[in-house]
Amino acid sequence: MAFQAALGTRLVRGRRAPQELAALCAPARAPALRCATHRACRSHTRGKGHTRVNVRMALKSGAGQSVKEDTNDAVREAVAQASASVANPAIAFVSCTVARPADEVRAAFAAALPPNTPIHGLTSSGALLSSFGSAPNAVGCLLLDASDAPGAFAAISDMGGDAGAAAKKLKQAMPQPAVIVMSATPGAEEACIAALTDVFGPNVPIFGGTAADNALTGEWQVFSAEGASGTGVSFVGIGSQVAFGASMLGPYEATSRVGVATKTEGRRVFDINGKPASEWVYEWLGDAVKDAYENGGLILPVTSTRPVGIKQSSGEYVTMHLAALGGRASYADFFAPVPQGAELVIMDSGEGPSTGYAKTLSDAYDAARSQLGASKNPSAALLVYCGGMAIAVGDKLDTGLTSPAFKDRVAGLPLLGMTCFGEQARLPLAQSNVQRNLSVGLLLLA
C-alpha cells in the first residue's frame, strides 16, 4: 500500500531520529462492494461505513466512513451513514489521517453532528480500517446512543496535555466508570495511565490507541469538539450501564534470545547485560541496523517483525517496538517504558506478517467477545491496529482485514478501526493497565 511504502521509506532513510522521536522515547519522563451478509446494514461500500439498528439493545450504534476529497463533504457523508440509526448520539468516536487538517475535520464533525455532541478524536496512520480493508485518507466516525441508559458516557479532553487535570474532571463527571477509553500523543501514554490510576485506582480497565501520522514527523493530533492539538489527551468514561469486552493481543512466540536491561531511564535503555545496549542490538540484528548503530537513527522497519517482550509475573508478555539506536551514545530507544532489571525477550512473529495478522484479528474479537457473556451481542466496536504491525504486513494489511473469519465475526457490526503508534490495555491475568506496542485489540460494547 502506498501509505505503508511511504512510511517505510521515511523510516529507512532517517539516519538520526527526528526531533519528534525524542518525545516518543524520552527518558523518565474504492469500488462498491455488496453487503450480502449484512442483513441489517443500510449501505456498505469501500471507503464507506455501515449502520445497524440494535432494537433490542439499550445501546444503539452507527458507523460511517468517507473518502470524498472535500473534508466537509466527507464528514457529512460519514455522519449521514452513521446517523441512519443514531439520531442523538451520546458520544462520537472520530478519526482521520493527517492528509486532512485535524482542526478542519473536528470543526466539520462539530457542525454535522447534533449540537453539543462530545467528540473523542485522533489521527490514524495512513488509513482507517474496517472489515472491507483500509481506506486511505478517509474520515470516519462511530456514533453511540445510550438514551435508554442516561449518563453512560462522559468525555473529557485537555488539549494542553494535562492528563492529571483531565482525569480529575472525568472523575467529577463519572465517579465510577466501568472502563476508560484514552487517546494521547506519542510519549504521553504512561503519564495518562498513571493519572487515571491515581484518580480512579488500579481496578478500572483502560483501553486506547495513540494518535499517529504517516511518517513520524510529529503531525499526529488528538481532538475534541472544542479543539485539536499535537499534545492533547482525551478520555471517555463508559458507565456500567454499557457492557464491554476488551482485548489487546501480541501474537508472538518467545525465542531463546534474552537480555537484561541493566541501566534504563523511561523508554531509553543504556545497558543490556552490563554493556552498551546498541551493541547487544547490533549483535542480534547485524548489518540490517549497521547505519543506525554507527550514526544513530530509526530502525522501525527492521524491528517491526521482531518485537521485544517483557515477561510479567503472570506469564503474560508486554510487547514493545525497538525504535532507534543512539549511534556513539550507544543507547536503544523503545516505544514503551523499560523497567531497570527487566528481562528482554526477543519474540518471533511467525506467519503473522504474511497474512496481515488475520488470525490475530479474529482472536482479538473472540477474546473481547468472551467477556460480554453469551446473552450479550456486541453493538459497536473500536479496532486498534499497531502502526508498526502495518509496517510489518505491508500490502497484506487488507488481506488480514478482509479475511473470511474476521469478516464473519464483525458482519453488520458498526466498527471504527485505526492504525495507532501505541496501544493501551489491561493485562487479563496481571490485572494491570499498560502501554505496549505491536499489538491488535478490540473494544466491544453492548
Protein backbone atom coordinates (compact mmCIF):
# COMPACT_ATOMS: atom_id res chain seq x y z
CA MET A 1 0.00 0.00 0.00
CA ALA A 2 1.16 3.48 -0.78
CA PHE A 3 1.00 4.86 2.73
CA GLN A 4 2.98 1.92 4.13
CA ALA A 5 5.61 2.23 1.41
CA ALA A 6 5.98 5.93 2.13
CA LEU A 7 6.26 5.32 5.85
CA GLY A 8 8.80 2.55 5.39
CA THR A 9 10.93 4.70 3.08
CA ARG A 10 10.82 7.60 5.52
CA LEU A 11 11.94 5.41 8.40
CA VAL A 12 14.72 3.69 6.47
CA ARG A 13 16.20 6.95 5.25
CA GLY A 14 16.19 8.68 8.62
CA ARG A 15 19.80 8.46 9.76
CA ARG A 16 19.06 10.10 13.05
CA ALA A 17 15.86 10.01 15.00
CA PRO A 18 13.87 13.19 14.24
CA GLN A 19 13.13 15.68 16.97
CA GLU A 20 9.66 14.19 17.34
CA LEU A 21 11.16 10.80 18.19
CA ALA A 22 12.66 12.30 21.34
CA ALA A 23 9.13 12.70 22.64
CA LEU A 24 8.28 9.08 21.91
CA CYS A 25 11.41 7.70 23.53
CA ALA A 26 12.14 10.38 26.12
CA PRO A 27 13.89 9.29 29.30
CA ALA A 28 11.91 9.22 32.58
CA ARG A 29 9.69 11.23 31.61
CA ALA A 30 -12.77 2.11 -3.66
CA PRO A 31 -15.05 0.02 -5.69
CA ALA A 32 -18.53 -0.69 -4.36
CA LEU A 33 -18.94 -3.98 -2.52
CA ARG A 34 -22.19 -5.80 -1.97
CA CYS A 35 -23.15 -6.33 1.63
CA ALA A 36 -24.83 -9.69 1.16
CA THR A 37 -24.26 -10.97 4.69
CA HIS A 38 -25.22 -7.71 6.42
CA ARG A 39 -28.97 -8.17 6.72
CA ALA A 40 -29.41 -5.12 8.93
CA CYS A 41 -26.88 -2.98 7.08
CA ARG A 42 -28.25 0.05 5.23
CA SER A 43 -25.28 0.53 2.87
CA HIS A 44 -21.70 -0.53 2.51
CA THR A 45 -19.00 0.45 0.02
CA ARG A 46 -15.27 0.54 0.31
CA GLY A 47 -14.35 3.80 1.97
CA LYS A 48 -17.87 4.00 3.42
CA GLY A 49 -19.39 2.64 6.57
CA HIS A 50 -22.44 0.72 7.62
CA THR A 51 -25.23 1.15 10.13
CA ARG A 52 -27.38 -1.22 12.06
CA VAL A 53 -30.38 -0.65 14.30
CA ASN A 54 -29.93 -2.55 17.54
CA VAL A 55 -33.59 -2.59 18.51
CA ARG A 56 -33.17 -4.92 21.48
CA MET A 57 -30.20 -3.10 22.95
CA ALA A 58 -30.08 -0.05 25.18
CA LEU A 59 -27.06 0.94 23.12
CA LYS A 60 -27.71 2.00 19.53
CA SER A 61 -24.79 2.46 17.18
CA GLY A 62 -23.85 3.54 13.70
CA ALA A 63 -20.58 3.87 11.81
CA GLY A 64 -19.63 5.81 8.72
CA GLN A 65 -16.58 6.41 6.53
CA SER A 66 -15.92 8.58 3.51
CA VAL A 67 -13.00 9.26 1.20
CA LYS A 68 -14.53 12.26 -0.54
CA GLU A 69 -11.88 14.82 -1.36
CA ASP A 70 -13.60 17.79 0.26
CA THR A 71 -13.43 17.37 4.04
CA ASN A 72 -16.82 18.92 4.75
CA ASP A 73 -18.44 16.67 2.15
CA ALA A 74 -16.62 13.63 3.54
CA VAL A 75 -17.67 14.35 7.11
CA ARG A 76 -21.28 14.95 6.12
CA GLU A 77 -21.34 11.63 4.26
CA ALA A 78 -19.82 9.72 7.18
CA VAL A 79 -22.23 11.29 9.67
CA ALA A 80 -25.21 10.62 7.40
CA GLN A 81 -24.30 6.93 7.21
CA ALA A 82 -23.87 6.62 10.97
CA SER A 83 -26.91 8.74 11.81
CA ALA A 84 -29.27 6.42 9.95
CA SER A 85 -29.65 4.51 13.22
CA VAL A 86 -28.38 7.05 15.76
CA ALA A 87 -30.28 10.32 15.77
CA ASN A 88 -28.99 11.69 19.07
CA PRO A 89 -25.53 10.30 19.84
CA ALA A 90 -24.21 10.45 23.38
CA ILE A 91 -20.64 10.25 22.08
CA ALA A 92 -18.87 10.34 18.73
CA PHE A 93 -15.61 8.45 18.26
CA VAL A 94 -13.91 10.06 15.28
CA SER A 95 -10.73 9.53 13.27
CA CYS A 96 -8.97 10.77 10.15
CA THR A 97 -5.48 10.74 8.69
CA VAL A 98 -3.08 13.68 8.70
CA ALA A 99 -3.73 14.14 4.98
CA ARG A 100 -6.55 16.34 6.28
CA PRO A 101 -6.06 19.12 8.87
CA ALA A 102 -7.39 17.69 12.12
CA ASP A 103 -8.87 21.00 13.19
CA GLU A 104 -10.80 21.18 9.92
CA VAL A 105 -12.10 17.65 10.48
CA ARG A 106 -13.01 18.47 14.07
CA ALA A 107 -14.94 21.57 13.04
CA ALA A 108 -16.75 19.70 10.29
CA PHE A 109 -17.88 16.96 12.66
CA ALA A 110 -18.95 19.50 15.28
CA ALA A 111 -21.10 21.19 12.63
CA ALA A 112 -22.53 17.97 11.17
CA LEU A 113 -23.42 16.31 14.48
CA PRO A 114 -26.25 17.44 16.77
CA PRO A 115 -25.21 20.42 18.94
CA ASN A 116 -23.03 19.62 21.96
CA THR A 117 -22.22 16.06 20.86
CA PRO A 118 -18.96 15.08 22.63
CA ILE A 119 -16.17 14.07 20.24
CA HIS A 120 -13.25 11.79 21.04
CA GLY A 121 -10.89 12.07 18.08
CA LEU A 122 -7.41 11.04 17.00
CA THR A 123 -5.42 10.78 13.78
CA SER A 124 -4.68 7.38 12.27
CA SER A 125 -1.57 6.41 10.30
CA GLY A 126 -2.34 6.41 6.60
CA ALA A 127 -5.81 4.88 6.61
CA LEU A 128 -8.91 3.98 8.54
CA LEU A 129 -9.74 0.31 8.88
CA SER A 130 -12.77 -1.92 8.54
CA SER A 131 -13.55 -5.49 7.52
CA PHE A 132 -13.65 -4.20 3.94
CA GLY A 133 -10.00 -3.19 4.11
CA SER A 134 -8.10 0.02 4.62
CA ALA A 135 -9.39 3.37 3.38
CA PRO A 136 -6.51 5.82 2.79
CA ASN A 137 -7.17 9.45 3.67
CA ALA A 138 -10.63 8.62 4.98
CA VAL A 139 -12.65 10.24 7.72
CA GLY A 140 -14.76 8.04 9.94
CA CYS A 141 -16.99 8.02 12.98
CA LEU A 142 -18.67 5.64 15.39
CA LEU A 143 -21.79 7.13 16.98
CA LEU A 144 -23.30 5.68 20.15
CA ASP A 145 -26.75 6.43 21.55
CA ALA A 146 -27.49 5.35 25.11
CA SER A 147 -30.78 7.20 25.53
CA ASP A 148 -32.15 4.20 27.43
CA ALA A 149 -29.21 4.48 29.83
CA PRO A 150 -28.56 8.18 30.50
CA GLY A 151 -25.14 9.07 31.84
CA ALA A 152 -23.49 6.07 30.20
CA PHE A 153 -20.72 8.18 28.64
CA ALA A 154 -18.58 11.07 29.84
CA ALA A 155 -15.93 12.68 27.62
CA ILE A 156 -13.17 14.97 28.88
CA SER A 157 -10.22 16.36 26.94
CA ASP A 158 -7.28 18.64 27.64
CA MET A 159 -5.61 19.97 24.52
CA GLY A 160 -2.68 21.19 26.62
CA GLY A 161 -1.89 17.60 27.55
CA ASP A 162 -2.57 17.84 31.30
CA ALA A 163 -3.57 14.25 31.97
CA GLY A 164 -3.97 14.82 35.70
CA ALA A 165 -6.43 17.67 35.21
CA ALA A 166 -8.38 15.69 32.62
CA ALA A 167 -8.57 12.65 34.90
CA LYS A 168 -9.92 14.75 37.77
CA LYS A 169 -12.56 16.31 35.53
CA LEU A 170 -13.59 12.87 34.34
CA LYS A 171 -13.93 11.79 37.97
CA GLN A 172 -16.31 14.67 38.57
CA ALA A 173 -18.37 13.73 35.52
CA MET A 174 -18.35 9.97 36.17
CA PRO A 175 -17.11 8.86 39.60
CA GLN A 176 -17.09 5.12 38.83
CA PRO A 177 -16.60 4.23 35.16
CA ALA A 178 -16.60 0.59 34.16
CA VAL A 179 -13.89 1.23 31.54
CA ILE A 180 -11.99 4.26 30.26
CA VAL A 181 -11.04 4.85 26.63
CA MET A 182 -7.97 7.06 26.25
CA SER A 183 -6.07 8.70 23.43
CA ALA A 184 -2.85 10.66 23.70
CA THR A 185 0.10 11.60 21.53
CA PRO A 186 3.33 9.59 21.38
CA GLY A 187 5.38 9.75 24.57
CA ALA A 188 2.50 10.81 26.83
CA GLU A 189 0.82 7.44 27.31
CA GLU A 190 2.44 6.42 30.60
CA ALA A 191 1.54 9.76 32.18
CA CYS A 192 -2.09 9.26 31.14
CA ILE A 193 -2.24 5.75 32.58
CA ALA A 194 -0.60 6.98 35.80
CA ALA A 195 -3.00 9.91 36.11
CA LEU A 196 -6.06 7.74 35.56
CA THR A 197 -4.76 5.16 38.03
CA ASP A 198 -4.08 7.86 40.62
CA VAL A 199 -7.62 9.23 40.33
CA PHE A 200 -9.67 6.06 39.76
CA GLY A 201 -7.46 3.41 41.33
CA PRO A 202 -5.86 0.38 39.66
CA ASN A 203 -9.01 -1.64 39.04
CA VAL A 204 -10.63 0.35 36.22
CA PRO A 205 -9.65 -1.11 32.82
CA ILE A 206 -8.11 1.28 30.29
CA PHE A 207 -8.29 0.78 26.53
CA GLY A 208 -6.85 3.06 23.89
CA GLY A 209 -4.70 3.90 20.92
CA THR A 210 -2.09 6.60 20.42
CA ALA A 211 -2.58 9.26 17.76
CA ALA A 212 -0.39 8.67 14.71
CA ASP A 213 0.79 10.30 11.49
CA ASN A 214 2.07 8.96 8.18
CA ALA A 215 5.84 9.39 8.57
CA LEU A 216 6.81 10.05 12.21
CA THR A 217 7.07 13.78 11.57
CA GLY A 218 5.04 14.82 14.60
CA GLU A 219 1.84 15.68 12.73
CA TRP A 220 -0.32 13.47 14.97
CA GLN A 221 -3.31 15.11 16.65
CA VAL A 222 -5.86 14.41 19.36
CA PHE A 223 -9.07 16.37 19.02
CA SER A 224 -12.44 17.05 20.60
CA ALA A 225 -15.44 19.16 19.65
CA GLU A 226 -13.62 22.20 21.02
CA GLY A 227 -10.09 21.88 19.63
CA ALA A 228 -7.21 19.84 18.19
CA SER A 229 -3.66 19.53 19.46
CA GLY A 230 -0.39 17.72 18.91
CA THR A 231 -0.10 17.29 22.68
CA GLY A 232 -3.72 16.69 23.65
CA VAL A 233 -5.29 13.95 25.74
CA SER A 234 -8.86 12.69 25.55
CA PHE A 235 -10.63 10.36 27.98
CA VAL A 236 -14.05 8.73 27.69
CA GLY A 237 -15.61 7.11 30.73
CA ILE A 238 -18.10 4.35 29.98
CA GLY A 239 -20.55 3.51 32.74
CA SER A 240 -21.72 0.15 33.99
CA GLN A 241 -24.96 0.57 32.02
CA VAL A 242 -22.95 -0.48 28.95
CA ALA A 243 -21.46 -3.96 28.77
CA PHE A 244 -17.95 -4.20 27.34
CA GLY A 245 -15.30 -6.67 26.36
CA ALA A 246 -11.73 -5.69 25.51
CA SER A 247 -8.64 -7.38 24.11
CA MET A 248 -5.11 -6.46 23.11
CA LEU A 249 -3.00 -9.24 21.66
CA GLY A 250 0.68 -9.53 20.86
CA PRO A 251 0.66 -12.59 18.58
CA TYR A 252 4.22 -13.75 19.09
CA GLU A 253 6.27 -16.63 20.44
CA ALA A 254 9.21 -16.16 22.78
CA THR A 255 12.65 -17.16 21.49
CA SER A 256 15.72 -18.18 23.46
CA ARG A 257 17.46 -14.84 22.87
CA VAL A 258 17.19 -12.76 26.04
CA GLY A 259 18.97 -9.90 27.75
CA VAL A 260 18.62 -7.99 30.99
CA ALA A 261 18.12 -4.22 30.87
CA THR A 262 20.77 -3.26 33.40
CA LYS A 263 20.50 0.54 33.01
CA THR A 264 17.36 2.32 31.86
CA GLU A 265 15.53 5.61 32.09
CA GLY A 266 11.93 5.62 30.93
CA ARG A 267 11.89 4.31 27.36
CA ARG A 268 15.64 4.58 26.89
CA VAL A 269 17.90 1.62 27.60
CA PHE A 270 21.58 2.41 28.10
CA ASP A 271 22.95 -1.01 29.04
CA ILE A 272 21.86 -4.59 28.36
CA ASN A 273 23.71 -7.40 30.14
CA GLY A 274 26.06 -4.76 31.52
CA LYS A 275 27.28 -3.48 28.14
CA PRO A 276 26.05 -0.75 25.77
CA ALA A 277 22.52 -1.51 24.59
CA SER A 278 23.26 -0.73 20.94
CA GLU A 279 26.00 -3.38 20.91
CA TRP A 280 23.51 -6.01 22.07
CA VAL A 281 21.10 -4.93 19.33
CA TYR A 282 23.85 -4.95 16.67
CA GLU A 283 24.95 -8.45 17.69
CA TRP A 284 21.34 -9.52 17.26
CA LEU A 285 20.36 -7.74 14.00
CA GLY A 286 23.73 -7.20 12.32
CA ASP A 287 24.09 -5.26 9.06
CA ALA A 288 20.37 -4.50 8.91
CA VAL A 289 20.95 -1.85 11.60
CA LYS A 290 24.60 -1.02 10.90
CA ASP A 291 23.97 2.58 9.84
CA ALA A 292 21.87 3.34 12.91
CA TYR A 293 24.41 1.56 15.10
CA GLU A 294 27.21 3.77 13.78
CA ASN A 295 25.38 7.05 13.22
CA GLY A 296 22.14 6.86 15.15
CA GLY A 297 18.65 6.65 13.69
CA LEU A 298 15.41 4.79 13.37
CA ILE A 299 15.28 1.04 12.86
CA LEU A 300 11.50 0.57 12.89
CA PRO A 301 11.09 -1.40 9.63
CA VAL A 302 13.73 -3.91 10.73
CA THR A 303 12.23 -4.45 14.17
CA SER A 304 8.56 -4.37 13.20
CA THR A 305 8.58 -8.16 12.80
CA ARG A 306 10.87 -8.69 15.82
CA PRO A 307 9.13 -7.45 18.96
CA VAL A 308 10.89 -7.35 22.30
CA GLY A 309 8.78 -8.67 25.14
CA ILE A 310 8.93 -8.18 28.89
CA LYS A 311 7.53 -11.20 30.69
CA GLN A 312 5.27 -10.36 33.61
CA SER A 313 4.95 -12.39 36.80
CA SER A 314 1.58 -13.53 35.42
CA GLY A 315 3.35 -15.13 32.46
CA GLU A 316 1.97 -12.54 30.04
CA TYR A 317 4.27 -10.54 27.76
CA VAL A 318 4.16 -6.80 27.22
CA THR A 319 5.46 -6.41 23.67
CA MET A 320 7.49 -3.37 22.63
CA HIS A 321 8.81 -1.90 19.41
CA LEU A 322 12.55 -1.19 19.40
CA ALA A 323 12.58 2.19 17.69
CA ALA A 324 16.08 3.65 17.37
CA LEU A 325 19.76 3.42 18.21
CA GLY A 326 21.81 6.29 19.55
CA GLY A 327 24.97 5.91 17.45
CA ARG A 328 28.02 6.82 19.51
CA ALA A 329 25.81 7.34 22.56
CA SER A 330 25.12 3.58 22.37
CA TYR A 331 21.59 3.61 23.79
CA ALA A 332 18.47 1.92 22.41
CA ASP A 333 15.05 3.59 22.40
CA PHE A 334 11.72 1.82 22.66
CA PHE A 335 8.11 2.96 22.24
CA ALA A 336 7.18 1.71 25.71
CA PRO A 337 8.83 2.01 29.14
CA VAL A 338 11.53 -0.48 30.10
CA PRO A 339 11.98 -1.02 33.85
CA GLN A 340 15.54 -1.42 35.05
CA GLY A 341 16.26 -5.09 35.62
CA ALA A 342 13.62 -6.26 33.14
CA GLU A 343 14.38 -9.35 31.12
CA LEU A 344 14.08 -8.54 27.42
CA VAL A 345 12.88 -11.47 25.32
CA ILE A 346 13.10 -11.45 21.53
CA MET A 347 9.80 -12.59 20.04
CA ASP A 348 9.04 -14.39 16.77
CA SER A 349 6.16 -13.15 14.62
CA GLY A 350 5.83 -16.40 12.68
CA GLU A 351 3.41 -16.25 9.74
CA GLY A 352 1.61 -13.17 11.05
CA PRO A 353 3.10 -10.59 8.65
CA SER A 354 2.45 -12.73 5.57
CA THR A 355 -1.26 -12.99 6.43
CA GLY A 356 -1.87 -9.44 7.63
CA TYR A 357 -2.26 -10.96 11.10
CA ALA A 358 -5.63 -12.36 10.01
CA LYS A 359 -5.79 -14.90 12.83
CA THR A 360 -4.88 -12.26 15.39
CA LEU A 361 -7.78 -10.08 14.27
CA SER A 362 -10.19 -12.99 14.75
CA ASP A 363 -8.59 -13.97 18.05
CA ALA A 364 -8.82 -10.38 19.29
CA TYR A 365 -12.53 -10.35 18.51
CA ASP A 366 -13.05 -13.70 20.26
CA ALA A 367 -11.15 -12.58 23.35
CA ALA A 368 -13.22 -9.41 23.65
CA ARG A 369 -16.47 -11.21 22.79
CA SER A 370 -15.93 -13.80 25.53
CA GLN A 371 -16.06 -11.04 28.15
CA LEU A 372 -19.56 -9.95 27.11
CA GLY A 373 -21.18 -13.23 28.03
CA ALA A 374 -23.42 -15.44 25.95
CA SER A 375 -26.51 -13.27 26.47
CA LYS A 376 -24.94 -10.09 25.08
CA ASN A 377 -24.40 -9.36 21.41
CA PRO A 378 -21.94 -6.56 20.60
CA SER A 379 -23.47 -3.35 19.31
CA ALA A 380 -20.30 -1.47 18.36
CA ALA A 381 -16.54 -1.93 18.08
CA LEU A 382 -13.33 0.07 18.19
CA LEU A 383 -10.36 -1.60 16.46
CA VAL A 384 -6.79 -0.60 17.31
CA TYR A 385 -4.10 -1.94 14.94
CA CYS A 386 -0.49 -1.02 15.70
CA GLY A 387 1.25 1.16 13.12
CA GLY A 388 4.39 -0.93 13.49
CA MET A 389 2.42 -4.01 12.53
CA ALA A 390 1.15 -2.11 9.48
CA ILE A 391 4.82 -1.65 8.52
CA ALA A 392 5.39 -5.36 9.04
CA VAL A 393 2.47 -6.55 6.92
CA GLY A 394 2.89 -4.08 4.06
CA ASP A 395 0.32 -4.73 1.34
CA LYS A 396 -1.05 -7.68 3.32
CA LEU A 397 -2.96 -5.34 5.64
CA ASP A 398 -6.12 -5.70 3.56
CA THR A 399 -5.61 -9.47 3.47
CA GLY A 400 -5.97 -9.60 7.22
CA LEU A 401 -8.85 -7.15 7.46
CA THR A 402 -10.86 -8.89 4.74
CA SER A 403 -10.10 -12.44 5.85
CA PRO A 404 -13.29 -14.53 5.94
CA ALA A 405 -13.01 -15.37 9.64
CA PHE A 406 -12.74 -11.74 10.71
CA LYS A 407 -15.39 -10.53 8.26
CA ASP A 408 -17.83 -13.17 9.51
CA ARG A 409 -17.28 -12.13 13.11
CA VAL A 410 -17.90 -8.42 12.57
CA ALA A 411 -20.58 -8.73 9.87
CA GLY A 412 -23.09 -5.93 10.37
CA LEU A 413 -21.26 -4.55 13.40
CA PRO A 414 -20.63 -0.78 13.34
CA LEU A 415 -16.85 -0.51 13.66
CA LEU A 416 -14.22 2.21 13.60
CA GLY A 417 -10.67 0.97 13.02
CA MET A 418 -7.47 2.98 13.45
CA THR A 419 -3.74 2.45 12.94
CA CYS A 420 -2.00 3.76 16.06
CA PHE A 421 1.51 4.49 17.35
CA GLY A 422 0.93 2.83 20.72
CA GLU A 423 -1.69 0.69 22.40
CA GLN A 424 -3.07 0.82 25.92
CA ALA A 425 -4.89 -2.08 27.54
CA ARG A 426 -5.36 -4.17 30.64
CA LEU A 427 -3.46 -7.43 31.04
CA PRO A 428 -6.15 -10.03 31.82
CA LEU A 429 -4.07 -12.09 34.25
CA ALA A 430 -1.88 -9.42 35.83
CA GLN A 431 -4.91 -7.09 36.07
CA SER A 432 -2.78 -4.05 35.30
CA ASN A 433 -3.07 -1.34 32.65
CA VAL A 434 -0.02 -0.99 30.40
CA GLN A 435 1.43 0.86 27.44
CA ARG A 436 2.51 -1.61 24.76
CA ASN A 437 3.35 -1.89 21.05
CA LEU A 438 2.96 -4.22 18.09
CA SER A 439 -0.48 -5.29 19.25
CA VAL A 440 -4.01 -5.64 17.88
CA GLY A 441 -7.09 -5.16 20.02
CA LEU A 442 -10.84 -4.61 20.01
CA LEU A 443 -13.23 -2.92 22.38
CA LEU A 444 -16.74 -4.33 22.01
CA LEU A 445 -19.72 -2.52 23.52
CA ALA A 446 -23.25 -3.78 24.10
